[in-house]
């Protein structure tokens, strides 16, 4: 029952309550992005949603336009503190997680939930193995179990395992635990980037911004 109607109701209520403050923060961030590197302000990414249905996820742009698409050895997106694709303002947005704020609009649209598995891009979704695709039985979230259990400091396969664990045990109590842990992770700016070991498998391909 909770994973359906009540979870969606809470998503809407919380999003509407925080939206006025979020809009103010977004305005300030947008101005800084334009001053630093011009337009566009937003980055629109194709992501895999509930039931395997793709959707467009919104983020504040943290990289230079037309940056190459770097990939880890396992096929997941590359994310490191010394990534040369990030702008000066983008680096601060990424570290503070403010680049994720526009996903509140995805929550209001019904593409995402406040809490759930992080949405993978379409290339990553093609690499699911075994039961990993079962994470798609719930809406992806702005934050989730993997984000408060190591974030980018753990491997993509480990994050997928945590996503699957969440999808199979979603509950109000679990969401509360994740929510409180999220504040600690965000304010502590923990595990934002991949580890040095993970960076060794990075490779460049294509000409698509990857965030």
N, C-alpha and C. Protein backbone atom coordinates (compact mmCIF):
# COMPACT_ATOMS: atom_id res chain seq x y z
N UNK A 1 0.82 -1.21 0.00
CA UNK A 1 0.00 0.00 0.00
C UNK A 1 0.86 1.26 0.00
N UNK A 2 1.88 1.29 0.89
CA UNK A 2 2.71 2.50 0.99
C UNK A 2 3.44 2.80 -0.30
N UNK A 3 3.98 1.77 -0.95
CA UNK A 3 4.80 1.99 -2.15
C UNK A 3 3.99 2.53 -3.32
N UNK A 4 2.69 2.58 -3.18
CA UNK A 4 1.85 3.11 -4.24
C UNK A 4 1.30 4.49 -3.91
N UNK A 5 0.06 4.54 -3.46
CA UNK A 5 -0.65 5.80 -3.26
C UNK A 5 0.01 6.69 -2.22
N UNK A 6 0.33 6.16 -1.04
CA UNK A 6 0.83 7.01 0.04
C UNK A 6 2.24 7.55 -0.25
N UNK A 7 3.07 6.75 -0.86
CA UNK A 7 4.40 7.23 -1.22
C UNK A 7 4.31 8.37 -2.25
N UNK A 8 3.44 8.21 -3.21
CA UNK A 8 3.24 9.26 -4.21
C UNK A 8 2.67 10.52 -3.57
N UNK A 9 1.75 10.37 -2.64
CA UNK A 9 1.15 11.52 -1.95
C UNK A 9 2.22 12.28 -1.16
N UNK A 10 3.08 11.55 -0.47
CA UNK A 10 4.16 12.20 0.29
C UNK A 10 5.14 12.90 -0.65
N UNK A 11 5.43 12.28 -1.78
CA UNK A 11 6.30 12.91 -2.77
C UNK A 11 5.75 14.27 -3.18
N UNK A 12 4.47 14.31 -3.47
CA UNK A 12 3.84 15.55 -3.93
C UNK A 12 3.83 16.60 -2.82
N UNK A 13 3.44 16.20 -1.62
CA UNK A 13 3.33 17.15 -0.52
C UNK A 13 4.69 17.76 -0.16
N UNK A 14 5.70 16.90 -0.02
CA UNK A 14 7.03 17.38 0.36
C UNK A 14 7.60 18.25 -0.76
N UNK A 15 7.43 17.84 -2.01
CA UNK A 15 7.98 18.61 -3.13
C UNK A 15 7.35 20.00 -3.21
N UNK A 16 6.05 20.08 -3.00
CA UNK A 16 5.35 21.36 -3.06
C UNK A 16 5.77 22.27 -1.90
N UNK A 17 6.05 21.69 -0.74
CA UNK A 17 6.46 22.48 0.43
C UNK A 17 7.85 23.08 0.22
N UNK A 18 8.77 22.29 -0.31
CA UNK A 18 10.15 22.77 -0.46
C UNK A 18 10.38 23.53 -1.77
N UNK A 19 9.41 23.49 -2.68
CA UNK A 19 9.59 24.10 -4.00
C UNK A 19 9.89 25.60 -3.96
N UNK A 20 9.20 26.41 -3.14
CA UNK A 20 9.51 27.85 -3.13
C UNK A 20 10.97 28.14 -2.80
N UNK A 21 11.51 27.48 -1.78
CA UNK A 21 12.92 27.67 -1.43
C UNK A 21 13.83 27.12 -2.54
N UNK A 22 13.43 25.98 -3.09
CA UNK A 22 14.23 25.37 -4.16
C UNK A 22 14.30 26.29 -5.38
N UNK A 23 13.21 26.96 -5.71
CA UNK A 23 13.20 27.87 -6.85
C UNK A 23 14.15 29.05 -6.64
N UNK A 24 14.19 29.55 -5.40
CA UNK A 24 15.10 30.64 -5.08
C UNK A 24 16.56 30.20 -5.25
N UNK A 25 16.87 29.01 -4.73
CA UNK A 25 18.23 28.48 -4.86
C UNK A 25 18.57 28.22 -6.32
N UNK A 26 17.60 27.70 -7.07
CA UNK A 26 17.82 27.44 -8.50
C UNK A 26 18.10 28.72 -9.27
N UNK A 27 17.42 29.79 -8.90
CA UNK A 27 17.63 31.08 -9.56
C UNK A 27 19.06 31.57 -9.36
N UNK A 28 19.53 31.48 -8.11
CA UNK A 28 20.90 31.90 -7.79
C UNK A 28 21.90 31.03 -8.55
N UNK A 29 21.67 29.73 -8.54
CA UNK A 29 22.57 28.81 -9.24
C UNK A 29 22.58 29.07 -10.74
N UNK A 30 21.41 29.35 -11.29
CA UNK A 30 21.30 29.62 -12.73
C UNK A 30 22.12 30.85 -13.11
N UNK A 31 22.04 31.89 -12.31
CA UNK A 31 22.80 33.11 -12.57
C UNK A 31 24.30 32.82 -12.54
N UNK A 32 24.74 32.05 -11.56
CA UNK A 32 26.16 31.71 -11.44
C UNK A 32 26.64 30.88 -12.63
N UNK A 33 25.80 29.95 -13.08
CA UNK A 33 26.16 29.12 -14.24
C UNK A 33 26.35 29.98 -15.48
N UNK A 34 25.41 30.92 -15.71
CA UNK A 34 25.48 31.79 -16.89
C UNK A 34 26.71 32.68 -16.83
N UNK A 35 27.00 33.24 -15.66
CA UNK A 35 28.17 34.10 -15.49
C UNK A 35 29.45 33.32 -15.74
N UNK A 36 29.48 32.08 -15.26
CA UNK A 36 30.69 31.26 -15.35
C UNK A 36 30.91 30.70 -16.75
N UNK A 37 29.85 30.20 -17.39
CA UNK A 37 30.05 29.48 -18.65
C UNK A 37 28.90 29.67 -19.65
N UNK A 38 28.06 30.64 -19.42
CA UNK A 38 26.97 30.87 -20.36
C UNK A 38 25.84 29.86 -20.25
N UNK A 39 25.08 29.74 -21.31
CA UNK A 39 23.94 28.83 -21.34
C UNK A 39 24.30 27.56 -22.10
N UNK A 40 23.46 26.49 -21.93
CA UNK A 40 22.22 26.39 -21.15
C UNK A 40 22.48 26.22 -19.66
N UNK A 41 21.44 26.49 -18.88
CA UNK A 41 21.52 26.33 -17.43
C UNK A 41 21.27 24.88 -17.04
N UNK A 42 20.33 24.25 -17.74
CA UNK A 42 19.94 22.88 -17.39
C UNK A 42 20.57 21.86 -18.32
N UNK A 43 20.77 20.69 -17.77
CA UNK A 43 21.22 19.53 -18.54
C UNK A 43 20.08 18.51 -18.50
N UNK A 44 19.63 18.07 -19.65
CA UNK A 44 18.54 17.11 -19.75
C UNK A 44 19.12 15.75 -20.15
N UNK A 45 18.93 14.76 -19.29
CA UNK A 45 19.53 13.44 -19.51
C UNK A 45 18.44 12.39 -19.71
N UNK A 46 18.65 11.49 -20.64
CA UNK A 46 17.74 10.36 -20.82
C UNK A 46 18.07 9.30 -19.78
N UNK A 47 17.08 8.93 -18.99
CA UNK A 47 17.28 7.95 -17.93
C UNK A 47 16.20 6.87 -17.99
N UNK A 48 16.51 5.71 -17.42
CA UNK A 48 15.58 4.60 -17.41
C UNK A 48 14.67 4.71 -16.19
N UNK A 49 13.37 4.70 -16.41
CA UNK A 49 12.43 4.87 -15.32
C UNK A 49 11.71 3.59 -14.94
N UNK A 50 10.68 3.74 -14.14
CA UNK A 50 9.91 2.59 -13.67
C UNK A 50 9.35 1.80 -14.84
N UNK A 51 9.45 0.47 -14.73
CA UNK A 51 8.92 -0.39 -15.77
C UNK A 51 9.74 -0.39 -17.04
N UNK A 52 10.95 0.19 -16.99
CA UNK A 52 11.79 0.23 -18.18
C UNK A 52 11.40 1.32 -19.17
N UNK A 53 10.63 2.31 -18.71
CA UNK A 53 10.20 3.40 -19.60
C UNK A 53 11.15 4.58 -19.45
N UNK A 54 11.82 4.98 -20.52
CA UNK A 54 12.76 6.11 -20.45
C UNK A 54 12.04 7.42 -20.15
N UNK A 55 12.74 8.34 -19.51
CA UNK A 55 12.21 9.67 -19.26
C UNK A 55 13.37 10.66 -19.29
N UNK A 56 13.04 11.93 -19.34
CA UNK A 56 14.06 12.98 -19.35
C UNK A 56 14.24 13.53 -17.94
N UNK A 57 15.45 13.39 -17.42
CA UNK A 57 15.76 13.84 -16.06
C UNK A 57 16.48 15.18 -16.15
N UNK A 58 16.09 16.11 -15.25
CA UNK A 58 16.65 17.45 -15.28
C UNK A 58 17.70 17.65 -14.20
N UNK A 59 18.80 18.32 -14.58
CA UNK A 59 19.85 18.67 -13.64
C UNK A 59 20.37 20.06 -13.99
N UNK A 60 21.01 20.72 -13.03
CA UNK A 60 21.74 21.93 -13.36
C UNK A 60 23.02 21.52 -14.08
N UNK A 61 23.36 22.23 -15.12
CA UNK A 61 24.55 21.87 -15.90
C UNK A 61 25.82 22.11 -15.09
N UNK A 62 26.62 21.08 -14.95
CA UNK A 62 27.87 21.18 -14.20
C UNK A 62 29.09 20.97 -15.09
N UNK A 63 28.88 20.65 -16.37
CA UNK A 63 29.98 20.39 -17.29
C UNK A 63 29.93 21.34 -18.48
N UNK A 64 31.06 21.44 -19.17
CA UNK A 64 31.10 22.23 -20.39
C UNK A 64 30.20 21.59 -21.44
N UNK A 65 29.62 22.41 -22.27
CA UNK A 65 28.73 21.92 -23.33
C UNK A 65 29.51 21.01 -24.28
N UNK A 66 28.84 19.93 -24.70
CA UNK A 66 29.42 18.95 -25.64
C UNK A 66 30.65 18.24 -25.08
N UNK A 67 30.66 18.04 -23.76
CA UNK A 67 31.76 17.28 -23.16
C UNK A 67 31.69 15.83 -23.61
N UNK A 68 32.83 15.15 -23.76
CA UNK A 68 32.82 13.74 -24.16
C UNK A 68 32.23 12.87 -23.06
N UNK A 69 31.72 11.72 -23.45
CA UNK A 69 31.08 10.79 -22.53
C UNK A 69 32.11 9.79 -22.01
N UNK A 70 32.65 10.05 -20.82
CA UNK A 70 33.62 9.14 -20.23
C UNK A 70 32.90 8.01 -19.51
N UNK A 71 33.43 6.79 -19.65
CA UNK A 71 32.82 5.62 -19.03
C UNK A 71 33.85 4.87 -18.19
N UNK A 72 33.38 4.24 -17.10
CA UNK A 72 34.23 3.36 -16.32
C UNK A 72 34.35 2.02 -17.03
N UNK A 73 35.25 1.17 -16.55
CA UNK A 73 35.46 -0.14 -17.18
C UNK A 73 34.20 -0.99 -17.15
N UNK A 74 33.33 -0.78 -16.14
CA UNK A 74 32.10 -1.57 -16.03
C UNK A 74 30.95 -0.98 -16.84
N UNK A 75 31.20 0.12 -17.55
CA UNK A 75 30.17 0.74 -18.37
C UNK A 75 29.42 1.86 -17.70
N UNK A 76 29.65 2.07 -16.40
CA UNK A 76 28.97 3.14 -15.68
C UNK A 76 29.61 4.49 -15.99
N UNK A 77 28.90 5.57 -15.70
CA UNK A 77 29.41 6.90 -16.00
C UNK A 77 30.58 7.28 -15.10
N UNK A 78 31.49 8.04 -15.66
CA UNK A 78 32.70 8.46 -14.96
C UNK A 78 32.40 9.69 -14.12
N UNK A 79 32.93 9.74 -12.89
CA UNK A 79 32.67 10.86 -11.99
C UNK A 79 33.83 10.98 -11.02
N UNK A 80 34.69 11.97 -11.23
CA UNK A 80 35.86 12.13 -10.38
C UNK A 80 36.08 13.59 -10.04
N UNK A 81 36.75 13.85 -8.92
CA UNK A 81 36.96 15.21 -8.44
C UNK A 81 37.80 16.04 -9.41
N UNK A 82 38.69 15.39 -10.15
CA UNK A 82 39.56 16.12 -11.07
C UNK A 82 39.07 16.03 -12.52
N UNK A 83 37.79 15.72 -12.69
CA UNK A 83 37.22 15.60 -14.03
C UNK A 83 37.36 16.94 -14.77
N UNK A 84 38.11 17.00 -15.86
CA UNK A 84 38.32 18.26 -16.58
C UNK A 84 37.08 18.78 -17.30
N UNK A 85 36.04 17.96 -17.37
CA UNK A 85 34.81 18.39 -18.05
C UNK A 85 33.96 19.33 -17.21
N UNK A 86 34.21 19.39 -15.90
CA UNK A 86 33.40 20.21 -15.01
C UNK A 86 33.82 21.67 -15.03
N UNK A 87 32.84 22.55 -15.01
CA UNK A 87 33.12 23.98 -14.92
C UNK A 87 33.44 24.34 -13.47
N UNK A 88 33.89 25.57 -13.25
CA UNK A 88 34.22 25.99 -11.88
C UNK A 88 32.98 25.96 -10.99
N UNK A 89 31.88 26.54 -11.48
CA UNK A 89 30.64 26.53 -10.71
C UNK A 89 30.09 25.11 -10.63
N UNK A 90 30.20 24.37 -11.72
CA UNK A 90 29.70 23.00 -11.75
C UNK A 90 30.34 22.12 -10.72
N UNK A 91 31.63 22.33 -10.47
CA UNK A 91 32.34 21.54 -9.46
C UNK A 91 31.73 21.75 -8.07
N UNK A 92 31.37 23.00 -7.78
CA UNK A 92 30.76 23.31 -6.49
C UNK A 92 29.33 22.78 -6.42
N UNK A 93 28.60 22.87 -7.53
CA UNK A 93 27.24 22.34 -7.57
C UNK A 93 27.23 20.84 -7.34
N UNK A 94 28.18 20.16 -7.99
CA UNK A 94 28.25 18.70 -7.86
C UNK A 94 28.61 18.30 -6.43
N UNK A 95 29.56 19.02 -5.82
CA UNK A 95 30.02 18.68 -4.48
C UNK A 95 28.92 18.89 -3.44
N UNK A 96 28.10 19.92 -3.66
CA UNK A 96 27.01 20.23 -2.73
C UNK A 96 25.72 19.51 -3.06
N UNK A 97 25.68 18.81 -4.20
CA UNK A 97 24.50 18.10 -4.72
C UNK A 97 23.38 19.05 -5.15
N UNK A 98 23.67 20.34 -5.27
CA UNK A 98 22.65 21.29 -5.72
C UNK A 98 22.28 21.07 -7.18
N UNK A 99 23.15 20.39 -7.93
CA UNK A 99 22.84 20.12 -9.33
C UNK A 99 21.64 19.19 -9.48
N UNK A 100 21.28 18.51 -8.38
CA UNK A 100 20.16 17.57 -8.43
C UNK A 100 18.80 18.23 -8.18
N UNK A 101 18.80 19.49 -7.73
CA UNK A 101 17.55 20.15 -7.35
C UNK A 101 16.45 20.13 -8.42
N UNK A 102 16.77 20.33 -9.70
CA UNK A 102 15.71 20.32 -10.71
C UNK A 102 14.93 19.02 -10.79
N UNK A 103 15.44 17.96 -10.19
CA UNK A 103 14.71 16.68 -10.21
C UNK A 103 13.43 16.74 -9.38
N UNK A 104 13.25 17.81 -8.62
CA UNK A 104 11.96 18.02 -7.95
C UNK A 104 10.85 18.11 -8.99
N UNK A 105 11.16 18.68 -10.16
CA UNK A 105 10.17 18.75 -11.23
C UNK A 105 9.86 17.36 -11.78
N UNK A 106 10.86 16.49 -11.82
CA UNK A 106 10.63 15.10 -12.22
C UNK A 106 9.71 14.39 -11.24
N UNK A 107 9.86 14.73 -9.95
CA UNK A 107 8.99 14.13 -8.93
C UNK A 107 7.56 14.61 -9.14
N UNK A 108 7.39 15.90 -9.37
CA UNK A 108 6.05 16.44 -9.58
C UNK A 108 5.41 15.87 -10.84
N UNK A 109 6.23 15.59 -11.85
CA UNK A 109 5.71 15.02 -13.10
C UNK A 109 5.38 13.54 -12.98
N UNK A 110 5.88 12.91 -11.90
CA UNK A 110 5.60 11.49 -11.70
C UNK A 110 6.64 10.56 -12.29
N UNK A 111 7.75 11.12 -12.82
CA UNK A 111 8.81 10.29 -13.37
C UNK A 111 9.69 9.70 -12.27
N UNK A 112 9.81 10.43 -11.16
CA UNK A 112 10.70 10.04 -10.08
C UNK A 112 9.99 10.16 -8.74
N UNK A 113 10.64 9.59 -7.73
CA UNK A 113 10.20 9.72 -6.35
C UNK A 113 11.30 10.46 -5.60
N UNK A 114 11.00 11.00 -4.44
CA UNK A 114 12.05 11.62 -3.64
C UNK A 114 13.10 10.58 -3.24
N UNK A 115 12.64 9.37 -2.93
CA UNK A 115 13.53 8.30 -2.49
C UNK A 115 13.30 7.06 -3.33
N UNK A 116 14.39 6.51 -3.84
CA UNK A 116 14.30 5.31 -4.67
C UNK A 116 15.65 5.03 -5.29
N UNK A 117 15.77 4.02 -6.11
CA UNK A 117 17.04 3.73 -6.79
C UNK A 117 17.42 4.89 -7.71
N UNK A 118 18.70 5.22 -7.77
CA UNK A 118 19.12 6.26 -8.69
C UNK A 118 18.91 5.79 -10.13
N UNK A 119 18.38 6.65 -11.00
CA UNK A 119 18.11 6.23 -12.38
C UNK A 119 19.39 6.08 -13.20
N UNK A 120 19.54 4.96 -13.87
CA UNK A 120 20.69 4.73 -14.73
C UNK A 120 20.42 5.31 -16.11
N UNK A 121 21.49 5.64 -16.83
CA UNK A 121 21.27 6.08 -18.21
C UNK A 121 20.98 4.84 -19.06
N UNK A 122 20.58 5.08 -20.29
CA UNK A 122 20.11 3.98 -21.14
C UNK A 122 21.22 3.00 -21.48
N UNK A 123 22.45 3.49 -21.60
CA UNK A 123 23.58 2.60 -21.90
C UNK A 123 23.85 1.68 -20.71
N UNK A 124 23.75 2.22 -19.49
CA UNK A 124 23.97 1.40 -18.29
C UNK A 124 22.88 0.33 -18.16
N UNK A 125 21.65 0.72 -18.48
CA UNK A 125 20.53 -0.22 -18.35
C UNK A 125 20.71 -1.44 -19.26
N UNK A 126 21.43 -1.27 -20.35
CA UNK A 126 21.68 -2.40 -21.25
C UNK A 126 22.66 -3.41 -20.65
N UNK A 127 23.34 -3.03 -19.56
CA UNK A 127 24.35 -3.88 -18.95
C UNK A 127 23.85 -4.61 -17.70
N UNK A 128 22.56 -4.49 -17.39
CA UNK A 128 22.01 -5.19 -16.23
C UNK A 128 22.23 -6.69 -16.38
N UNK A 129 22.51 -7.33 -15.26
CA UNK A 129 22.70 -8.78 -15.24
C UNK A 129 21.77 -9.41 -14.20
N UNK A 130 21.37 -10.65 -14.45
CA UNK A 130 20.56 -11.38 -13.48
C UNK A 130 19.30 -10.63 -13.10
N UNK A 131 19.16 -10.38 -11.79
CA UNK A 131 17.94 -9.76 -11.26
C UNK A 131 18.05 -8.25 -11.15
N UNK A 132 19.14 -7.67 -11.62
CA UNK A 132 19.37 -6.23 -11.43
C UNK A 132 18.26 -5.36 -12.04
N UNK A 133 17.66 -5.81 -13.13
CA UNK A 133 16.61 -5.02 -13.78
C UNK A 133 15.36 -4.89 -12.91
N UNK A 134 15.26 -5.71 -11.86
CA UNK A 134 14.10 -5.62 -10.97
C UNK A 134 14.07 -4.31 -10.19
N UNK A 135 15.16 -3.56 -10.18
CA UNK A 135 15.16 -2.24 -9.56
C UNK A 135 14.16 -1.32 -10.26
N UNK A 136 13.81 -1.67 -11.52
CA UNK A 136 12.90 -0.84 -12.30
C UNK A 136 11.43 -1.04 -11.94
N UNK A 137 11.16 -1.88 -10.94
CA UNK A 137 9.76 -2.06 -10.55
C UNK A 137 9.27 -0.93 -9.65
N UNK A 138 10.16 -0.05 -9.24
CA UNK A 138 9.78 1.14 -8.47
C UNK A 138 10.31 2.38 -9.18
N UNK A 139 9.76 3.54 -8.82
CA UNK A 139 10.23 4.78 -9.42
C UNK A 139 11.65 5.09 -8.93
N UNK A 140 12.50 5.59 -9.81
CA UNK A 140 13.83 6.03 -9.38
C UNK A 140 13.70 7.23 -8.46
N UNK A 141 14.74 7.49 -7.66
CA UNK A 141 14.65 8.56 -6.68
C UNK A 141 15.78 9.56 -6.78
N UNK A 142 15.56 10.73 -6.16
CA UNK A 142 16.62 11.74 -6.08
C UNK A 142 17.71 11.25 -5.14
N UNK A 143 17.31 10.58 -4.07
CA UNK A 143 18.25 9.93 -3.18
C UNK A 143 17.75 8.51 -2.94
N UNK A 144 18.63 7.67 -2.39
CA UNK A 144 18.24 6.28 -2.19
C UNK A 144 19.22 5.54 -1.30
N UNK A 145 18.99 4.26 -1.16
CA UNK A 145 19.82 3.44 -0.28
C UNK A 145 21.29 3.44 -0.72
N UNK A 146 21.53 3.38 -2.01
CA UNK A 146 22.92 3.38 -2.50
C UNK A 146 23.60 4.71 -2.23
N UNK A 147 22.84 5.82 -2.28
CA UNK A 147 23.42 7.14 -2.07
C UNK A 147 23.84 7.36 -0.62
N UNK A 148 23.20 6.68 0.31
CA UNK A 148 23.57 6.85 1.72
C UNK A 148 24.42 5.68 2.21
N UNK A 149 24.83 4.80 1.29
CA UNK A 149 25.61 3.62 1.68
C UNK A 149 26.94 3.54 0.92
N UNK A 150 27.44 4.70 0.53
CA UNK A 150 28.71 4.70 -0.17
C UNK A 150 28.72 5.55 -1.41
N UNK A 151 27.54 5.79 -1.99
CA UNK A 151 27.42 6.67 -3.14
C UNK A 151 28.41 6.29 -4.24
N UNK A 152 29.27 7.20 -4.65
CA UNK A 152 30.22 6.91 -5.73
C UNK A 152 31.50 6.27 -5.26
N UNK A 153 31.64 6.06 -3.94
CA UNK A 153 32.84 5.40 -3.41
C UNK A 153 32.74 3.88 -3.52
N UNK A 154 31.57 3.37 -3.89
CA UNK A 154 31.41 1.94 -4.11
C UNK A 154 31.21 1.70 -5.60
N UNK A 155 31.39 0.47 -6.03
CA UNK A 155 31.29 0.17 -7.46
C UNK A 155 29.84 0.26 -7.93
N UNK A 156 29.69 0.37 -9.24
CA UNK A 156 28.35 0.44 -9.81
C UNK A 156 27.57 -0.84 -9.52
N UNK A 157 28.19 -2.00 -9.58
CA UNK A 157 27.50 -3.26 -9.28
C UNK A 157 27.03 -3.29 -7.82
N UNK A 158 27.83 -2.73 -6.93
CA UNK A 158 27.41 -2.66 -5.53
C UNK A 158 26.22 -1.72 -5.37
N UNK A 159 26.23 -0.63 -6.12
CA UNK A 159 25.09 0.29 -6.07
C UNK A 159 23.83 -0.38 -6.62
N UNK A 160 24.00 -1.17 -7.70
CA UNK A 160 22.85 -1.89 -8.25
C UNK A 160 22.27 -2.88 -7.24
N UNK A 161 23.15 -3.54 -6.48
CA UNK A 161 22.69 -4.50 -5.47
C UNK A 161 21.88 -3.78 -4.40
N UNK A 162 22.32 -2.58 -4.01
CA UNK A 162 21.58 -1.81 -3.01
C UNK A 162 20.26 -1.29 -3.59
N UNK A 163 20.27 -0.91 -4.87
CA UNK A 163 19.03 -0.48 -5.52
C UNK A 163 18.01 -1.61 -5.52
N UNK A 164 18.48 -2.82 -5.83
CA UNK A 164 17.59 -3.98 -5.85
C UNK A 164 17.06 -4.27 -4.45
N UNK A 165 17.94 -4.17 -3.45
CA UNK A 165 17.52 -4.39 -2.06
C UNK A 165 16.43 -3.41 -1.68
N UNK A 166 16.58 -2.15 -2.09
CA UNK A 166 15.54 -1.15 -1.79
C UNK A 166 14.23 -1.50 -2.49
N UNK A 167 14.30 -1.81 -3.77
CA UNK A 167 13.09 -2.09 -4.56
C UNK A 167 12.30 -3.24 -3.98
N UNK A 168 12.99 -4.19 -3.33
CA UNK A 168 12.31 -5.37 -2.80
C UNK A 168 11.89 -5.21 -1.34
N UNK A 169 12.25 -4.07 -0.72
CA UNK A 169 11.90 -3.90 0.70
C UNK A 169 11.45 -2.49 1.01
N UNK A 170 10.96 -1.76 0.01
CA UNK A 170 10.55 -0.38 0.22
C UNK A 170 9.47 -0.29 1.30
N UNK A 171 9.65 0.67 2.21
CA UNK A 171 8.69 0.88 3.30
C UNK A 171 8.83 2.32 3.80
N UNK A 172 7.87 2.77 4.56
CA UNK A 172 7.90 4.14 5.10
C UNK A 172 9.07 4.30 6.06
N UNK A 173 9.32 3.31 6.89
CA UNK A 173 10.43 3.38 7.85
C UNK A 173 11.76 3.44 7.11
N UNK A 174 11.91 2.63 6.08
CA UNK A 174 13.16 2.64 5.31
C UNK A 174 13.36 3.99 4.64
N UNK A 175 12.29 4.56 4.10
CA UNK A 175 12.41 5.87 3.47
C UNK A 175 12.82 6.94 4.48
N UNK A 176 12.27 6.88 5.69
CA UNK A 176 12.66 7.83 6.73
C UNK A 176 14.14 7.71 7.06
N UNK A 177 14.62 6.47 7.19
CA UNK A 177 16.04 6.25 7.49
C UNK A 177 16.92 6.83 6.40
N UNK A 178 16.54 6.59 5.15
CA UNK A 178 17.32 7.09 4.02
C UNK A 178 17.30 8.62 3.99
N UNK A 179 16.14 9.20 4.28
CA UNK A 179 16.01 10.66 4.26
C UNK A 179 16.94 11.31 5.27
N UNK A 180 16.95 10.80 6.51
CA UNK A 180 17.81 11.38 7.55
C UNK A 180 19.29 11.17 7.22
N UNK A 181 19.63 10.00 6.67
CA UNK A 181 21.02 9.75 6.31
C UNK A 181 21.46 10.64 5.14
N UNK A 182 20.50 10.99 4.27
CA UNK A 182 20.82 11.84 3.13
C UNK A 182 21.35 13.19 3.58
N UNK A 183 20.72 13.76 4.60
CA UNK A 183 21.17 15.06 5.11
C UNK A 183 22.62 14.98 5.59
N UNK A 184 22.95 13.90 6.27
CA UNK A 184 24.32 13.72 6.78
C UNK A 184 25.30 13.59 5.62
N UNK A 185 24.92 12.83 4.59
CA UNK A 185 25.81 12.62 3.44
C UNK A 185 26.00 13.91 2.65
N UNK A 186 24.90 14.63 2.40
CA UNK A 186 24.98 15.86 1.60
C UNK A 186 25.75 16.95 2.34
N UNK A 187 25.41 17.19 3.61
CA UNK A 187 26.10 18.24 4.34
C UNK A 187 27.55 17.87 4.63
N UNK A 188 27.82 16.57 4.75
CA UNK A 188 29.19 16.13 4.96
C UNK A 188 29.96 16.01 3.66
N UNK A 189 29.24 16.16 2.51
CA UNK A 189 29.83 16.07 1.17
C UNK A 189 30.68 14.81 1.05
N UNK A 190 30.08 13.69 1.47
CA UNK A 190 30.78 12.41 1.48
C UNK A 190 30.57 11.64 0.18
N UNK A 191 31.63 10.95 -0.27
CA UNK A 191 31.56 9.99 -1.37
C UNK A 191 30.95 10.56 -2.64
N UNK A 192 31.26 11.84 -2.93
CA UNK A 192 30.70 12.48 -4.11
C UNK A 192 31.30 11.90 -5.39
N UNK A 193 32.60 11.54 -5.32
CA UNK A 193 33.30 11.10 -6.52
C UNK A 193 33.79 9.66 -6.39
N UNK A 194 34.16 9.08 -7.54
CA UNK A 194 34.71 7.74 -7.54
C UNK A 194 36.07 7.76 -6.88
N UNK A 195 36.51 6.61 -6.40
CA UNK A 195 37.81 6.50 -5.76
C UNK A 195 38.91 6.48 -6.81
N UNK A 196 40.17 6.62 -6.37
CA UNK A 196 41.30 6.58 -7.29
C UNK A 196 41.37 5.25 -8.03
N UNK A 197 40.99 4.16 -7.32
CA UNK A 197 41.02 2.85 -7.96
C UNK A 197 40.02 2.78 -9.10
N UNK A 198 38.86 3.38 -8.87
CA UNK A 198 37.82 3.33 -9.90
C UNK A 198 38.17 4.15 -11.13
N UNK A 199 38.98 5.21 -10.94
CA UNK A 199 39.32 6.07 -12.05
C UNK A 199 40.20 5.39 -13.08
N UNK A 200 40.87 4.33 -12.69
CA UNK A 200 41.78 3.66 -13.60
C UNK A 200 41.06 3.06 -14.80
N UNK A 201 39.77 2.79 -14.67
CA UNK A 201 39.04 2.15 -15.77
C UNK A 201 38.31 3.13 -16.65
N UNK A 202 38.57 4.43 -16.49
CA UNK A 202 37.83 5.42 -17.24
C UNK A 202 38.26 5.46 -18.69
N UNK A 203 37.29 5.71 -19.56
CA UNK A 203 37.59 5.78 -20.98
C UNK A 203 36.66 6.81 -21.61
N UNK A 204 37.09 7.41 -22.67
CA UNK A 204 36.27 8.42 -23.34
C UNK A 204 35.66 7.86 -24.59
N UNK A 205 34.40 8.24 -24.84
CA UNK A 205 33.73 7.79 -26.06
C UNK A 205 32.60 8.74 -26.38
N UNK A 206 32.33 8.91 -27.65
CA UNK A 206 31.20 9.73 -28.05
C UNK A 206 31.43 11.21 -27.78
N UNK A 207 30.34 11.98 -27.86
CA UNK A 207 30.44 13.42 -27.66
C UNK A 207 29.22 13.90 -26.91
N UNK A 208 28.86 13.18 -25.87
CA UNK A 208 27.65 13.48 -25.11
C UNK A 208 28.03 13.78 -23.68
N UNK A 209 27.47 14.88 -23.15
CA UNK A 209 27.77 15.25 -21.77
C UNK A 209 27.27 14.16 -20.84
N UNK A 210 28.10 13.73 -19.90
CA UNK A 210 27.74 12.68 -18.97
C UNK A 210 27.78 13.21 -17.55
N UNK A 211 26.62 13.17 -16.86
CA UNK A 211 26.56 13.67 -15.50
C UNK A 211 25.75 12.71 -14.64
